[in-house]
């Protein structure tokens, strides 16, 4: 799920789709409008799933996709190697999720953890 916004409405720390990948905006720089054109924005962002750096250059009046990020809370049911089994504390749905290589928090069976869902993909926070 995503919504459309103009580039001028984006802010640092928010999210934007670049190449069908939800990314967190790291910096935005804009140029002044020229004699024959409109102002342009250059957006540096990092993918929330892979961490890859991405750049978007577009006029400030153009429309871009902004992903709907859903932050949820889950309970750790079991840990199996590099996967964790979670139960969503709102819907009580159980599912398996890969543990991020850069995940800092300690996972404990029975403990609670935050995770995000964006564009049909999930990631531990």
PDB file of N, CA and C in Angstrom:
ATOM      1  N   UNK A   1       0.839  -1.180   0.000  1.00  0.00           N
ATOM      2  CA  UNK A   1       0.000   0.000   0.000  1.00  0.00           C
ATOM      3  C   UNK A   1       0.884   1.243   0.000  1.00  0.00           C
ATOM      4  N   UNK A   2       0.452   2.236  -0.756  1.00  0.00           N
ATOM      5  CA  UNK A   2       1.181   3.491  -0.796  1.00  0.00           C
ATOM      6  C   UNK A   2       0.228   4.606  -1.181  1.00  0.00           C
ATOM      7  N   UNK A   3       0.676   5.840  -0.976  1.00  0.00           N
ATOM      8  CA  UNK A   3      -0.091   7.004  -1.382  1.00  0.00           C
ATOM      9  C   UNK A   3       0.805   7.911  -2.206  1.00  0.00           C
ATOM     10  N   UNK A   4       0.233   8.851  -2.917  1.00  0.00           N
ATOM     11  CA  UNK A   4       1.025   9.764  -3.731  1.00  0.00           C
ATOM     12  C   UNK A   4       1.169  11.107  -3.035  1.00  0.00           C
ATOM     13  N   UNK A   5       2.370  11.674  -3.134  1.00  0.00           N
ATOM     14  CA  UNK A   5       2.655  13.000  -2.608  1.00  0.00           C
ATOM     15  C   UNK A   5       3.571  13.711  -3.586  1.00  0.00           C
ATOM     16  N   UNK A   6       3.598  15.026  -3.507  1.00  0.00           N
ATOM     17  CA  UNK A   6       4.545  15.791  -4.304  1.00  0.00           C
ATOM     18  C   UNK A   6       5.900  15.762  -3.617  1.00  0.00           C
ATOM     19  N   UNK A   7       6.949  15.879  -4.393  1.00  0.00           N
ATOM     20  CA  UNK A   7       8.315  15.837  -3.851  1.00  0.00           C
ATOM     21  C   UNK A   7       8.515  16.937  -2.816  1.00  0.00           C
ATOM     22  N   UNK A   8       7.914  18.120  -3.020  1.00  0.00           N
ATOM     23  CA  UNK A   8       8.104  19.228  -2.074  1.00  0.00           C
ATOM     24  C   UNK A   8       7.517  18.938  -0.693  1.00  0.00           C
ATOM     25  N   UNK A   9       6.618  17.952  -0.569  1.00  0.00           N
ATOM     26  CA  UNK A   9       5.995  17.610   0.711  1.00  0.00           C
ATOM     27  C   UNK A   9       6.829  16.632   1.548  1.00  0.00           C
ATOM     28  N   UNK A  10       7.861  16.037   0.951  1.00  0.00           N
ATOM     29  CA  UNK A  10       8.666  15.032   1.651  1.00  0.00           C
ATOM     30  C   UNK A  10       9.568  15.683   2.691  1.00  0.00           C
ATOM     31  N   UNK A  11       9.855  14.950   3.758  1.00  0.00           N
ATOM     32  CA  UNK A  11      10.720  15.436   4.829  1.00  0.00           C
ATOM     33  C   UNK A  11      11.743  14.361   5.203  1.00  0.00           C
ATOM     34  N   UNK A  12      12.877  14.802   5.755  1.00  0.00           N
ATOM     35  CA  UNK A  12      13.924  13.886   6.209  1.00  0.00           C
ATOM     36  C   UNK A  12      13.353  13.029   7.343  1.00  0.00           C
ATOM     37  N   UNK A  13      13.647  11.722   7.303  1.00  0.00           N
ATOM     38  CA  UNK A  13      13.158  10.806   8.327  1.00  0.00           C
ATOM     39  C   UNK A  13      11.874  10.111   7.930  1.00  0.00           C
ATOM     40  N   UNK A  14      11.210  10.594   6.883  1.00  0.00           N
ATOM     41  CA  UNK A  14       9.993   9.953   6.385  1.00  0.00           C
ATOM     42  C   UNK A  14      10.385   8.927   5.326  1.00  0.00           C
ATOM     43  N   UNK A  15       9.389   8.374   4.636  1.00  0.00           N
ATOM     44  CA  UNK A  15       9.642   7.290   3.697  1.00  0.00           C
ATOM     45  C   UNK A  15       9.194   7.656   2.288  1.00  0.00           C
ATOM     46  N   UNK A  16       9.841   7.039   1.281  1.00  0.00           N
ATOM     47  CA  UNK A  16       9.507   7.223  -0.120  1.00  0.00           C
ATOM     48  C   UNK A  16       9.849   5.933  -0.871  1.00  0.00           C
ATOM     49  N   UNK A  17       9.105   5.658  -1.951  1.00  0.00           N
ATOM     50  CA  UNK A  17       9.415   4.505  -2.805  1.00  0.00           C
ATOM     51  C   UNK A  17      10.403   4.928  -3.877  1.00  0.00           C
ATOM     52  N   UNK A  18      11.521   4.234  -3.957  1.00  0.00           N
ATOM     53  CA  UNK A  18      12.477   4.446  -5.036  1.00  0.00           C
ATOM     54  C   UNK A  18      12.721   3.078  -5.663  1.00  0.00           C
ATOM     55  N   UNK A  19      12.405   2.934  -6.942  1.00  0.00           N
ATOM     56  CA  UNK A  19      12.532   1.663  -7.656  1.00  0.00           C
ATOM     57  C   UNK A  19      11.749   0.548  -6.960  1.00  0.00           C
ATOM     58  N   UNK A  20      10.511   0.827  -6.567  1.00  0.00           N
ATOM     59  CA  UNK A  20       9.629  -0.132  -5.877  1.00  0.00           C
ATOM     60  C   UNK A  20      10.237  -0.669  -4.591  1.00  0.00           C
ATOM     61  N   UNK A  21      11.050   0.112  -3.927  1.00  0.00           N
ATOM     62  CA  UNK A  21      11.687  -0.271  -2.664  1.00  0.00           C
ATOM     63  C   UNK A  21      11.384   0.825  -1.635  1.00  0.00           C
ATOM     64  N   UNK A  22      10.734   0.485  -0.505  1.00  0.00           N
ATOM     65  CA  UNK A  22      10.486   1.506   0.509  1.00  0.00           C
ATOM     66  C   UNK A  22      11.804   1.960   1.142  1.00  0.00           C
ATOM     67  N   UNK A  23      12.052   3.272   1.148  1.00  0.00           N
ATOM     68  CA  UNK A  23      13.309   3.826   1.626  1.00  0.00           C
ATOM     69  C   UNK A  23      13.050   4.930   2.641  1.00  0.00           C
ATOM     70  N   UNK A  24      13.948   5.044   3.620  1.00  0.00           N
ATOM     71  CA  UNK A  24      13.894   6.127   4.594  1.00  0.00           C
ATOM     72  C   UNK A  24      14.745   7.277   4.066  1.00  0.00           C
ATOM     73  N   UNK A  25      14.189   8.486   4.065  1.00  0.00           N
ATOM     74  CA  UNK A  25      14.876   9.653   3.514  1.00  0.00           C
ATOM     75  C   UNK A  25      15.970  10.102   4.474  1.00  0.00           C
ATOM     76  N   UNK A  26      17.207  10.197   3.955  1.00  0.00           N
ATOM     77  CA  UNK A  26      18.356  10.636   4.750  1.00  0.00           C
ATOM     78  C   UNK A  26      18.631  12.122   4.579  1.00  0.00           C
ATOM     79  N   UNK A  27      18.483  12.639   3.343  1.00  0.00           N
ATOM     80  CA  UNK A  27      18.696  14.066   3.092  1.00  0.00           C
ATOM     81  C   UNK A  27      17.952  14.490   1.835  1.00  0.00           C
ATOM     82  N   UNK A  28      17.585  15.779   1.821  1.00  0.00           N
ATOM     83  CA  UNK A  28      16.910  16.365   0.668  1.00  0.00           C
ATOM     84  C   UNK A  28      17.601  17.681   0.362  1.00  0.00           C
ATOM     85  N   UNK A  29      17.989  17.876  -0.905  1.00  0.00           N
ATOM     86  CA  UNK A  29      18.542  19.166  -1.312  1.00  0.00           C
ATOM     87  C   UNK A  29      17.770  19.636  -2.539  1.00  0.00           C
ATOM     88  N   UNK A  30      17.471  20.933  -2.576  1.00  0.00           N
ATOM     89  CA  UNK A  30      16.733  21.475  -3.698  1.00  0.00           C
ATOM     90  C   UNK A  30      17.562  22.547  -4.389  1.00  0.00           C
ATOM     91  N   UNK A  31      17.371  22.658  -5.700  1.00  0.00           N
ATOM     92  CA  UNK A  31      18.043  23.704  -6.466  1.00  0.00           C
ATOM     93  C   UNK A  31      17.015  24.782  -6.778  1.00  0.00           C
ATOM     94  N   UNK A  32      17.491  25.983  -7.027  1.00  0.00           N
ATOM     95  CA  UNK A  32      16.592  27.086  -7.364  1.00  0.00           C
ATOM     96  C   UNK A  32      16.057  26.885  -8.776  1.00  0.00           C
ATOM     97  N   UNK A  33      14.860  27.411  -9.040  1.00  0.00           N
ATOM     98  CA  UNK A  33      14.348  27.304 -10.404  1.00  0.00           C
ATOM     99  C   UNK A  33      15.203  28.126 -11.353  1.00  0.00           C
ATOM    100  N   UNK A  34      15.436  27.573 -12.514  1.00  0.00           N
ATOM    101  CA  UNK A  34      16.243  28.271 -13.507  1.00  0.00           C
ATOM    102  C   UNK A  34      15.376  29.132 -14.407  1.00  0.00           C
ATOM    103  N   UNK A  35      15.998  29.727 -15.393  1.00  0.00           N
ATOM    104  CA  UNK A  35      15.300  30.610 -16.319  1.00  0.00           C
ATOM    105  C   UNK A  35      14.257  29.837 -17.138  1.00  0.00           C
ATOM    106  N   UNK A  36      14.562  28.585 -17.469  1.00  0.00           N
ATOM    107  CA  UNK A  36      13.672  27.808 -18.319  1.00  0.00           C
ATOM    108  C   UNK A  36      13.158  26.538 -17.655  1.00  0.00           C
ATOM    109  N   UNK A  37      13.198  26.447 -16.346  1.00  0.00           N
ATOM    110  CA  UNK A  37      12.768  25.200 -15.722  1.00  0.00           C
ATOM    111  C   UNK A  37      12.298  25.405 -14.303  1.00  0.00           C
ATOM    112  N   UNK A  38      11.889  24.323 -13.696  1.00  0.00           N
ATOM    113  CA  UNK A  38      11.397  24.382 -12.323  1.00  0.00           C
ATOM    114  C   UNK A  38      12.483  23.919 -11.360  1.00  0.00           C
ATOM    115  N   UNK A  39      12.236  24.145 -10.078  1.00  0.00           N
ATOM    116  CA  UNK A  39      13.182  23.712  -9.053  1.00  0.00           C
ATOM    117  C   UNK A  39      13.245  22.183  -9.045  1.00  0.00           C
ATOM    118  N   UNK A  40      14.421  21.655  -8.776  1.00  0.00           N
ATOM    119  CA  UNK A  40      14.615  20.204  -8.727  1.00  0.00           C
ATOM    120  C   UNK A  40      15.042  19.820  -7.314  1.00  0.00           C
ATOM    121  N   UNK A  41      14.699  18.603  -6.926  1.00  0.00           N
ATOM    122  CA  UNK A  41      15.088  18.080  -5.619  1.00  0.00           C
ATOM    123  C   UNK A  41      15.915  16.820  -5.830  1.00  0.00           C
ATOM    124  N   UNK A  42      16.921  16.654  -4.987  1.00  0.00           N
ATOM    125  CA  UNK A  42      17.726  15.445  -4.975  1.00  0.00           C
ATOM    126  C   UNK A  42      17.547  14.804  -3.606  1.00  0.00           C
ATOM    127  N   UNK A  43      17.050  13.574  -3.596  1.00  0.00           N
ATOM    128  CA  UNK A  43      16.740  12.878  -2.350  1.00  0.00           C
ATOM    129  C   UNK A  43      17.681  11.694  -2.195  1.00  0.00           C
ATOM    130  N   UNK A  44      18.403  11.656  -1.070  1.00  0.00           N
ATOM    131  CA  UNK A  44      19.235  10.504  -0.728  1.00  0.00           C
ATOM    132  C   UNK A  44      18.478   9.694   0.313  1.00  0.00           C
ATOM    133  N   UNK A  45      18.380   8.384   0.076  1.00  0.00           N
ATOM    134  CA  UNK A  45      17.603   7.524   0.967  1.00  0.00           C
ATOM    135  C   UNK A  45      18.286   6.167   1.092  1.00  0.00           C
ATOM    136  N   UNK A  46      17.852   5.398   2.098  1.00  0.00           N
ATOM    137  CA  UNK A  46      18.358   4.039   2.311  1.00  0.00           C
ATOM    138  C   UNK A  46      17.170   3.088   2.404  1.00  0.00           C
ATOM    139  N   UNK A  47      17.277   1.951   1.737  1.00  0.00           N
ATOM    140  CA  UNK A  47      16.219   0.946   1.761  1.00  0.00           C
ATOM    141  C   UNK A  47      16.015   0.451   3.190  1.00  0.00           C
ATOM    142  N   UNK A  48      14.753   0.311   3.611  1.00  0.00           N
ATOM    143  CA  UNK A  48      14.502  -0.151   4.974  1.00  0.00           C
ATOM    144  C   UNK A  48      14.692  -1.662   5.097  1.00  0.00           C
ATOM    145  N   UNK A  49      14.731  -2.373   3.974  1.00  0.00           N
ATOM    146  CA  UNK A  49      14.911  -3.825   4.030  1.00  0.00           C
ATOM    147  C   UNK A  49      16.349  -4.259   3.767  1.00  0.00           C
ATOM    148  N   UNK A  50      17.043  -3.617   2.821  1.00  0.00           N
ATOM    149  CA  UNK A  50      18.400  -4.043   2.484  1.00  0.00           C
ATOM    150  C   UNK A  50      19.472  -3.075   2.949  1.00  0.00           C
ATOM    151  N   UNK A  51      19.096  -1.833   3.250  1.00  0.00           N
ATOM    152  CA  UNK A  51      20.075  -0.830   3.655  1.00  0.00           C
ATOM    153  C   UNK A  51      20.798  -0.191   2.488  1.00  0.00           C
ATOM    154  N   UNK A  52      20.465  -0.585   1.253  1.00  0.00           N
ATOM    155  CA  UNK A  52      21.131  -0.042   0.061  1.00  0.00           C
ATOM    156  C   UNK A  52      20.804   1.439  -0.098  1.00  0.00           C
ATOM    157  N   UNK A  53      21.806   2.221  -0.464  1.00  0.00           N
ATOM    158  CA  UNK A  53      21.628   3.664  -0.691  1.00  0.00           C
ATOM    159  C   UNK A  53      20.982   3.881  -2.052  1.00  0.00           C
ATOM    160  N   UNK A  54      20.004   4.777  -2.107  1.00  0.00           N
ATOM    161  CA  UNK A  54      19.314   5.089  -3.348  1.00  0.00           C
ATOM    162  C   UNK A  54      19.175   6.600  -3.461  1.00  0.00           C
ATOM    163  N   UNK A  55      19.128   7.099  -4.710  1.00  0.00           N
ATOM    164  CA  UNK A  55      18.994   8.525  -4.969  1.00  0.00           C
ATOM    165  C   UNK A  55      17.849   8.750  -5.937  1.00  0.00           C
ATOM    166  N   UNK A  56      17.083   9.805  -5.676  1.00  0.00           N
ATOM    167  CA  UNK A  56      15.991  10.187  -6.551  1.00  0.00           C
ATOM    168  C   UNK A  56      16.151  11.659  -6.884  1.00  0.00           C
ATOM    169  N   UNK A  57      16.167  11.989  -8.184  1.00  0.00           N
ATOM    170  CA  UNK A  57      16.215  13.380  -8.631  1.00  0.00           C
ATOM    171  C   UNK A  57      14.955  13.642  -9.438  1.00  0.00           C
ATOM    172  N   UNK A  58      14.199  14.673  -9.026  1.00  0.00           N
ATOM    173  CA  UNK A  58      12.938  14.960  -9.696  1.00  0.00           C
ATOM    174  C   UNK A  58      12.553  16.411  -9.457  1.00  0.00           C
ATOM    175  N   UNK A  59      11.717  16.984 -10.344  1.00  0.00           N
ATOM    176  CA  UNK A  59      11.182  18.320 -10.078  1.00  0.00           C
ATOM    177  C   UNK A  59      10.339  18.294  -8.796  1.00  0.00           C
ATOM    178  N   UNK A  60      10.319  19.394  -8.053  1.00  0.00           N
ATOM    179  CA  UNK A  60       9.607  19.410  -6.769  1.00  0.00           C
ATOM    180  C   UNK A  60       8.099  19.282  -6.938  1.00  0.00           C
ATOM    181  N   UNK A  61       7.595  19.512  -8.150  1.00  0.00           N
ATOM    182  CA  UNK A  61       6.149  19.411  -8.374  1.00  0.00           C
ATOM    183  C   UNK A  61       5.719  18.012  -8.828  1.00  0.00           C
ATOM    184  N   UNK A  62       6.677  17.116  -9.070  1.00  0.00           N
ATOM    185  CA  UNK A  62       6.309  15.772  -9.539  1.00  0.00           C
ATOM    186  C   UNK A  62       5.782  14.926  -8.382  1.00  0.00           C
ATOM    187  N   UNK A  63       4.986  13.933  -8.732  1.00  0.00           N
ATOM    188  CA  UNK A  63       4.379  13.039  -7.738  1.00  0.00           C
ATOM    189  C   UNK A  63       5.263  11.814  -7.540  1.00  0.00           C
ATOM    190  N   UNK A  64       5.379  11.360  -6.290  1.00  0.00           N
ATOM    191  CA  UNK A  64       6.118  10.143  -5.962  1.00  0.00           C
ATOM    192  C   UNK A  64       5.247   9.279  -5.061  1.00  0.00           C
ATOM    193  N   UNK A  65       5.606   8.007  -4.971  1.00  0.00           N
ATOM    194  CA  UNK A  65       4.886   7.075  -4.112  1.00  0.00           C
ATOM    195  C   UNK A  65       5.489   7.102  -2.714  1.00  0.00           C
ATOM    196  N   UNK A  66       4.633   7.173  -1.712  1.00  0.00           N
ATOM    197  CA  UNK A  66       5.060   7.125  -0.318  1.00  0.00           C
ATOM    198  C   UNK A  66       4.454   5.861   0.288  1.00  0.00           C
ATOM    199  N   UNK A  67       5.295   4.907   0.739  1.00  0.00           N
ATOM    200  CA  UNK A  67       4.756   3.643   1.262  1.00  0.00           C
ATOM    201  C   UNK A  67       4.073   3.846   2.612  1.00  0.00           C
ATOM    202  N   UNK A  68       3.051   3.044   2.849  1.00  0.00           N
ATOM    203  CA  UNK A  68       2.378   3.038   4.147  1.00  0.00           C
ATOM    204  C   UNK A  68       3.136   2.050   5.032  1.00  0.00           C
ATOM    205  N   UNK A  69       3.827   2.557   6.054  1.00  0.00           N
ATOM    206  CA  UNK A  69       4.608   1.725   6.962  1.00  0.00           C
ATOM    207  C   UNK A  69       3.737   1.420   8.177  1.00  0.00           C
ATOM    208  N   UNK A  70       3.529   0.145   8.441  1.00  0.00           N
ATOM    209  CA  UNK A  70       2.712  -0.289   9.567  1.00  0.00           C
ATOM    210  C   UNK A  70       3.631  -0.873  10.637  1.00  0.00           C
ATOM    211  N   UNK A  71       3.717  -0.197  11.776  1.00  0.00           N
ATOM    212  CA  UNK A  71       4.565  -0.684  12.872  1.00  0.00           C
ATOM    213  C   UNK A  71       3.679  -1.457  13.845  1.00  0.00           C
ATOM    214  N   UNK A  72       4.091  -2.695  14.119  1.00  0.00           N
ATOM    215  CA  UNK A  72       3.279  -3.585  14.957  1.00  0.00           C
ATOM    216  C   UNK A  72       4.119  -4.195  16.068  1.00  0.00           C
ATOM    217  N   UNK A  73       3.421  -4.767  17.041  1.00  0.00           N
ATOM    218  CA  UNK A  73       4.082  -5.421  18.159  1.00  0.00           C
ATOM    219  C   UNK A  73       3.763  -6.911  18.102  1.00  0.00           C
ATOM    220  N   UNK A  74       4.786  -7.733  18.334  1.00  0.00           N
ATOM    221  CA  UNK A  74       4.590  -9.170  18.310  1.00  0.00           C
ATOM    222  C   UNK A  74       5.285  -9.833  19.483  1.00  0.00           C
ATOM    223  N   UNK A  75       4.872 -11.053  19.781  1.00  0.00           N
ATOM    224  CA  UNK A  75       5.493 -11.842  20.848  1.00  0.00           C
ATOM    225  C   UNK A  75       6.310 -12.949  20.209  1.00  0.00           C
ATOM    226  N   UNK A  76       7.541 -13.128  20.695  1.00  0.00           N
ATOM    227  CA  UNK A  76       8.431 -14.165  20.184  1.00  0.00           C
ATOM    228  C   UNK A  76       7.972 -15.506  20.739  1.00  0.00           C
ATOM    229  N   UNK A  77       7.579 -16.420  19.838  1.00  0.00           N
ATOM    230  CA  UNK A  77       7.158 -17.751  20.263  1.00  0.00           C
ATOM    231  C   UNK A  77       8.337 -18.711  20.306  1.00  0.00           C
ATOM    232  N   UNK A  78       9.190 -18.668  19.262  1.00  0.00           N
ATOM    233  CA  UNK A  78      10.371 -19.525  19.256  1.00  0.00           C
ATOM    234  C   UNK A  78      11.420 -18.933  18.328  1.00  0.00           C
ATOM    235  N   UNK A  79      12.673 -19.323  18.580  1.00  0.00           N
ATOM    236  CA  UNK A  79      13.798 -18.885  17.757  1.00  0.00           C
ATOM    237  C   UNK A  79      14.418 -20.132  17.143  1.00  0.00           C
ATOM    238  N   UNK A  80      14.504 -20.154  15.794  1.00  0.00           N
ATOM    239  CA  UNK A  80      15.023 -21.318  15.083  1.00  0.00           C
ATOM    240  C   UNK A  80      16.157 -20.865  14.178  1.00  0.00           C
ATOM    241  N   UNK A  81      17.373 -20.835  14.682  1.00  0.00           N
ATOM    242  CA  UNK A  81      18.525 -20.428  13.875  1.00  0.00           C
ATOM    243  C   UNK A  81      18.428 -18.962  13.485  1.00  0.00           C
ATOM    244  N   UNK A  82      18.274 -18.692  12.179  1.00  0.00           N
ATOM    245  CA  UNK A  82      18.191 -17.305  11.715  1.00  0.00           C
ATOM    246  C   UNK A  82      16.745 -16.880  11.438  1.00  0.00           C
ATOM    247  N   UNK A  83      15.786 -17.628  11.991  1.00  0.00           N
ATOM    248  CA  UNK A  83      14.372 -17.276  11.866  1.00  0.00           C
ATOM    249  C   UNK A  83      13.741 -17.186  13.239  1.00  0.00           C
ATOM    250  N   UNK A  84      12.703 -16.380  13.325  1.00  0.00           N
ATOM    251  CA  UNK A  84      11.966 -16.242  14.571  1.00  0.00           C
ATOM    252  C   UNK A  84      10.476 -16.431  14.250  1.00  0.00           C
ATOM    253  N   UNK A  85       9.769 -17.109  15.156  1.00  0.00           N
ATOM    254  CA  UNK A  85       8.332 -17.270  14.996  1.00  0.00           C
ATOM    255  C   UNK A  85       7.653 -16.250  15.897  1.00  0.00           C
ATOM    256  N   UNK A  86       6.811 -15.407  15.297  1.00  0.00           N
ATOM    257  CA  UNK A  86       6.146 -14.334  16.034  1.00  0.00           C
ATOM    258  C   UNK A  86       4.641 -14.527  16.020  1.00  0.00           C
ATOM    259  N   UNK A  87       3.990 -13.981  17.060  1.00  0.00           N
ATOM    260  CA  UNK A  87       2.537 -13.891  17.091  1.00  0.00           C
ATOM    261  C   UNK A  87       2.197 -12.417  17.213  1.00  0.00           C
ATOM    262  N   UNK A  88       1.426 -11.900  16.244  1.00  0.00           N
ATOM    263  CA  UNK A  88       0.989 -10.512  16.283  1.00  0.00           C
ATOM    264  C   UNK A  88       0.087 -10.328  17.496  1.00  0.00           C
ATOM    265  N   UNK A  89       0.354  -9.304  18.315  1.00  0.00           N
ATOM    266  CA  UNK A  89      -0.404  -9.101  19.552  1.00  0.00           C
ATOM    267  C   UNK A  89      -1.761  -8.437  19.316  1.00  0.00           C
ATOM    268  N   UNK A  90      -2.040  -8.048  18.077  1.00  0.00           N
ATOM    269  CA  UNK A  90      -3.338  -7.449  17.774  1.00  0.00           C
ATOM    270  C   UNK A  90      -4.261  -8.456  17.116  1.00  0.00           C
ATOM    271  N   UNK A  91      -3.719  -9.193  16.116  1.00  0.00           N
ATOM    272  CA  UNK A  91      -4.547 -10.134  15.357  1.00  0.00           C
ATOM    273  C   UNK A  91      -4.359 -11.579  15.815  1.00  0.00           C
ATOM    274  N   UNK A  92      -3.350 -11.849  16.634  1.00  0.00           N
ATOM    275  CA  UNK A  92      -2.996 -13.185  17.133  1.00  0.00           C
ATOM    276  C   UNK A  92      -2.618 -14.140  16.007  1.00  0.00           C
ATOM    277  N   UNK A  93      -2.201 -13.595  14.862  1.00  0.00           N
ATOM    278  CA  UNK A  93      -1.721 -14.381  13.733  1.00  0.00           C
ATOM    279  C   UNK A  93      -0.274 -14.783  14.019  1.00  0.00           C
ATOM    280  N   UNK A  94       0.094 -16.033  13.708  1.00  0.00           N
ATOM    281  CA  UNK A  94       1.482 -16.464  13.894  1.00  0.00           C
ATOM    282  C   UNK A  94       2.146 -16.623  12.535  1.00  0.00           C
ATOM    283  N   UNK A  95       3.430 -16.265  12.455  1.00  0.00           N
ATOM    284  CA  UNK A  95       4.189 -16.338  11.217  1.00  0.00           C
ATOM    285  C   UNK A  95       5.669 -16.374  11.529  1.00  0.00           C
ATOM    286  N   UNK A  96       6.460 -16.843  10.555  1.00  0.00           N
ATOM    287  CA  UNK A  96       7.916 -16.875  10.681  1.00  0.00           C
ATOM    288  C   UNK A  96       8.501 -15.672   9.961  1.00  0.00           C
ATOM    289  N   UNK A  97       9.605 -15.148  10.502  1.00  0.00           N
ATOM    290  CA  UNK A  97      10.271 -13.997   9.910  1.00  0.00           C
ATOM    291  C   UNK A  97      11.768 -14.184  10.066  1.00  0.00           C
ATOM    292  N   UNK A  98      12.515 -13.794   9.034  1.00  0.00           N
ATOM    293  CA  UNK A  98      13.972 -13.873   9.106  1.00  0.00           C
ATOM    294  C   UNK A  98      14.497 -12.814  10.072  1.00  0.00           C
ATOM    295  N   UNK A  99      15.545 -13.158  10.806  1.00  0.00           N
ATOM    296  CA  UNK A  99      16.187 -12.198  11.708  1.00  0.00           C
ATOM    297  C   UNK A  99      17.162 -11.380  10.883  1.00  0.00           C
ATOM    298  N   UNK A 100      17.075 -10.052  10.976  1.00  0.00           N
ATOM    299  CA  UNK A 100      17.969  -9.167  10.225  1.00  0.00           C
ATOM    300  C   UNK A 100      19.410  -9.395  10.674  1.00  0.00           C
ATOM    301  N   UNK A 101      20.363  -9.366   9.743  1.00  0.00           N
ATOM    302  CA  UNK A 101      21.772  -9.499  10.146  1.00  0.00           C
ATOM    303  C   UNK A 101      22.221  -8.350  11.054  1.00  0.00           C
ATOM    304  N   UNK A 102      21.598  -7.169  10.906  1.00  0.00           N
ATOM    305  CA  UNK A 102      22.001  -6.009  11.707  1.00  0.00           C
ATOM    306  C   UNK A 102      21.095  -5.783  12.913  1.00  0.00           C
ATOM    307  N   UNK A 103      20.267  -6.789  13.263  1.00  0.00           N
ATOM    308  CA  UNK A 103      19.351  -6.627  14.402  1.00  0.00           C
ATOM    309  C   UNK A 103      20.145  -6.551  15.703  1.00  0.00           C
ATOM    310  N   UNK A 104      19.934  -5.465  16.470  1.00  0.00           N
ATOM    311  CA  UNK A 104      20.734  -5.222  17.671  1.00  0.00           C
ATOM    312  C   UNK A 104      20.135  -5.838  18.932  1.00  0.00           C
ATOM    313  N   UNK A 105      18.813  -5.805  19.041  1.00  0.00           N
ATOM    314  CA  UNK A 105      18.160  -6.262  20.267  1.00  0.00           C
ATOM    315  C   UNK A 105      18.294  -7.760  20.472  1.00  0.00           C
ATOM    316  N   UNK A 106      18.207  -8.165  21.703  1.00  0.00           N
ATOM    317  CA  UNK A 106      18.296  -9.590  22.016  1.00  0.00           C
ATOM    318  C   UNK A 106      16.904 -10.194  21.959  1.00  0.00           C
ATOM    319  N   UNK A 107      16.771 -11.285  21.237  1.00  0.00           N
ATOM    320  CA  UNK A 107      15.484 -11.962  21.131  1.00  0.00           C
ATOM    321  C   UNK A 107      15.375 -13.013  22.224  1.00  0.00           C
ATOM    322  N   UNK A 108      14.262 -12.962  22.957  1.00  0.00           N
ATOM    323  CA  UNK A 108      14.021 -13.891  24.050  1.00  0.00           C
ATOM    324  C   UNK A 108      12.645 -14.516  23.824  1.00  0.00           C
ATOM    325  N   UNK A 109      12.578 -15.832  23.929  1.00  0.00           N
ATOM    326  CA  UNK A 109      11.284 -16.494  23.769  1.00  0.00           C
ATOM    327  C   UNK A 109      10.329 -15.983  24.834  1.00  0.00           C
ATOM    328  N   UNK A 110       9.115 -15.601  24.404  1.00  0.00           N
ATOM    329  CA  UNK A 110       8.125 -15.043  25.312  1.00  0.00           C
ATOM    330  C   UNK A 110       8.199 -13.524  25.394  1.00  0.00           C
ATOM    331  N   UNK A 111       9.265 -12.940  24.873  1.00  0.00           N
ATOM    332  CA  UNK A 111       9.422 -11.491  24.909  1.00  0.00           C
ATOM    333  C   UNK A 111       8.662 -10.808  23.778  1.00  0.00           C
ATOM    334  N   UNK A 112       8.514  -9.475  23.892  1.00  0.00           N
ATOM    335  CA  UNK A 112       7.826  -8.708  22.866  1.00  0.00           C
ATOM    336  C   UNK A 112       8.840  -7.958  22.015  1.00  0.00           C
ATOM    337  N   UNK A 113       8.484  -7.763  20.741  1.00  0.00           N
ATOM    338  CA  UNK A 113       9.369  -7.052  19.816  1.00  0.00           C
ATOM    339  C   UNK A 113       8.512  -6.280  18.824  1.00  0.00           C
ATOM    340  N   UNK A 114       9.052  -5.156  18.354  1.00  0.00           N
ATOM    341  CA  UNK A 114       8.371  -4.358  17.329  1.00  0.00           C
ATOM    342  C   UNK A 114       8.844  -4.849  15.956  1.00  0.00           C
ATOM    343  N   UNK A 115       7.923  -4.850  14.994  1.00  0.00           N
ATOM    344  CA  UNK A 115       8.278  -5.162  13.616  1.00  0.00           C
ATOM    345  C   UNK A 115       7.474  -4.261  12.698  1.00  0.00           C
ATOM    346  N   UNK A 116       7.967  -4.080  11.472  1.00  0.00           N
ATOM    347  CA  UNK A 116       7.266  -3.230  10.521  1.00  0.00           C
ATOM    348  C   UNK A 116       6.847  -4.031   9.306  1.00  0.00           C
ATOM    349  N   UNK A 117       5.736  -3.601   8.712  1.00  0.00           N
ATOM    350  CA  UNK A 117       5.219  -4.201   7.491  1.00  0.00           C
ATOM    351  C   UNK A 117       5.100  -3.089   6.460  1.00  0.00           C
ATOM    352  N   UNK A 118       5.730  -3.285   5.306  1.00  0.00           N
ATOM    353  CA  UNK A 118       5.659  -2.288   4.226  1.00  0.00           C
ATOM    354  C   UNK A 118       5.634  -3.020   2.895  1.00  0.00           C
ATOM    355  N   UNK A 119       4.660  -2.729   2.079  1.00  0.00           N
ATOM    356  CA  UNK A 119       4.537  -3.274   0.734  1.00  0.00           C
ATOM    357  C   UNK A 119       4.632  -4.801   0.722  1.00  0.00           C
ATOM    358  N   UNK A 120       3.969  -5.442   1.677  1.00  0.00           N
ATOM    359  CA  UNK A 120       3.912  -6.893   1.717  1.00  0.00           C
ATOM    360  C   UNK A 120       5.135  -7.575   2.284  1.00  0.00           C
ATOM    361  N   UNK A 121       6.101  -6.796   2.779  1.00  0.00           N
ATOM    362  CA  UNK A 121       7.323  -7.367   3.362  1.00  0.00           C
ATOM    363  C   UNK A 121       7.400  -6.979   4.837  1.00  0.00           C
ATOM    364  N   UNK A 122       8.122  -7.798   5.611  1.00  0.00           N
ATOM    365  CA  UNK A 122       8.227  -7.585   7.051  1.00  0.00           C
ATOM    366  C   UNK A 122       9.682  -7.485   7.468  1.00  0.00           C
ATOM    367  N   UNK A 123       9.920  -6.741   8.576  1.00  0.00           N
ATOM    368  CA  UNK A 123      11.280  -6.581   9.097  1.00  0.00           C
ATOM    369  C   UNK A 123      11.209  -6.298  10.580  1.00  0.00           C
ATOM    370  N   UNK A 124      12.119  -6.927  11.344  1.00  0.00           N
ATOM    371  CA  UNK A 124      12.218  -6.647  12.778  1.00  0.00           C
ATOM    372  C   UNK A 124      12.801  -5.264  12.978  1.00  0.00           C
ATOM    373  N   UNK A 125      12.379  -4.601  14.053  1.00  0.00           N
ATOM    374  CA  UNK A 125      12.911  -3.263  14.343  1.00  0.00           C
ATOM    375  C   UNK A 125      13.877  -3.325  15.513  1.00  0.00           C
TER     376      UNK A 125
END
